[in-house]
Amino acid sequence: MSKKKQFPLRIDPKLYEVLEKWAQDELRSVNTHIEYLLRESAKKAKRLKD
């Protein structure tokens, strides 16, 4: 299992609230949901291969 890179993330509180609710709806943690959204965006932009 690969070790994940940790770093601080400063985010607008209103956006965090949206992400928190969205993550709950998808049965994910906020961290996991942010990683999911970033991964999907990188794939769509053809910057990350499957």
C-alpha atoms as a PDB file:
ATOM      1  CA  MET A   1       0.000   0.000   0.000  1.00  0.00           C
ATOM      2  CA  SER A   2       1.415   3.375  -0.965  1.00  0.00           C
ATOM      3  CA  LYS A   3       1.810   6.140   1.565  1.00  0.00           C
ATOM      4  CA  LYS A   4      -0.306   9.199   0.863  1.00  0.00           C
ATOM      5  CA  LYS A   5       1.168  12.677   0.724  1.00  0.00           C
ATOM      6  CA  GLN A   6      -0.118  14.901   3.522  1.00  0.00           C
ATOM      7  CA  PHE A   7      -0.414  18.658   3.170  1.00  0.00           C
ATOM      8  CA  PRO A   8      -2.512  21.460   4.681  1.00  0.00           C
ATOM      9  CA  LEU A   9      -5.446  22.663   2.622  1.00  0.00           C
ATOM     10  CA  ARG A  10      -6.947  26.089   3.129  1.00  0.00           C
ATOM     11  CA  ILE A  11     -10.486  26.185   1.806  1.00  0.00           C
ATOM     12  CA  ASP A  12     -13.398  28.589   1.963  1.00  0.00           C
ATOM     13  CA  PRO A  13     -15.751  27.527   4.785  1.00  0.00           C
ATOM     14  CA  LYS A  14     -18.816  27.684   2.519  1.00  0.00           C
ATOM     15  CA  LEU A  15     -17.153  25.415  -0.030  1.00  0.00           C
ATOM     16  CA  TYR A  16     -16.156  23.041   2.769  1.00  0.00           C
ATOM     17  CA  GLU A  17     -19.803  22.842   3.878  1.00  0.00           C
ATOM     18  CA  VAL A  18     -20.822  21.922   0.327  1.00  0.00           C
ATOM     19  CA  LEU A  19     -18.097  19.269   0.120  1.00  0.00           C
ATOM     20  CA  GLU A  20     -19.003  17.900   3.541  1.00  0.00           C
ATOM     21  CA  LYS A  21     -22.666  17.423   2.573  1.00  0.00           C
ATOM     22  CA  TRP A  22     -21.710  15.998  -0.814  1.00  0.00           C
ATOM     23  CA  ALA A  23     -19.303  13.535   0.811  1.00  0.00           C
ATOM     24  CA  GLN A  24     -22.009  12.436   3.259  1.00  0.00           C
ATOM     25  CA  ASP A  25     -24.399  11.863   0.359  1.00  0.00           C
ATOM     26  CA  GLU A  26     -21.771   9.647  -1.303  1.00  0.00           C
ATOM     27  CA  LEU A  27     -20.896   7.838   1.971  1.00  0.00           C
ATOM     28  CA  ARG A  28     -17.311   9.134   1.898  1.00  0.00           C
ATOM     29  CA  SER A  29     -15.137  11.209   4.179  1.00  0.00           C
ATOM     30  CA  VAL A  30     -14.478  14.764   3.023  1.00  0.00           C
ATOM     31  CA  ASN A  31     -10.823  13.887   2.407  1.00  0.00           C
ATOM     32  CA  THR A  32     -11.692  10.825   0.330  1.00  0.00           C
ATOM     33  CA  HIS A  33     -14.292  12.772  -1.631  1.00  0.00           C
ATOM     34  CA  ILE A  34     -11.865  15.592  -2.436  1.00  0.00           C
ATOM     35  CA  GLU A  35      -9.322  13.009  -3.623  1.00  0.00           C
ATOM     36  CA  TYR A  36     -12.030  11.333  -5.740  1.00  0.00           C
ATOM     37  CA  LEU A  37     -13.060  14.640  -7.341  1.00  0.00           C
ATOM     38  CA  LEU A  38      -9.448  15.583  -8.082  1.00  0.00           C
ATOM     39  CA  ARG A  39      -8.703  12.152  -9.564  1.00  0.00           C
ATOM     40  CA  GLU A  40     -11.781  12.280 -11.821  1.00  0.00           C
ATOM     41  CA  SER A  41     -10.876  15.790 -12.957  1.00  0.00           C
ATOM     42  CA  ALA A  42      -7.292  14.742 -13.733  1.00  0.00           C
ATOM     43  CA  LYS A  43      -8.568  11.744 -15.755  1.00  0.00           C
ATOM     44  CA  LYS A  44     -10.999  13.950 -17.684  1.00  0.00           C
ATOM     45  CA  ALA A  45      -8.151  16.349 -18.505  1.00  0.00           C
ATOM     46  CA  LYS A  46      -6.070  13.325 -19.655  1.00  0.00           C
ATOM     47  CA  ARG A  47      -3.417  14.087 -17.046  1.00  0.00           C
ATOM     48  CA  LEU A  48      -3.855  10.808 -15.165  1.00  0.00           C
ATOM     49  CA  LYS A  49      -4.039   7.387 -16.731  1.00  0.00           C
ATOM     50  CA  ASP A  50      -6.226   4.656 -15.244  1.00  0.00           C
END
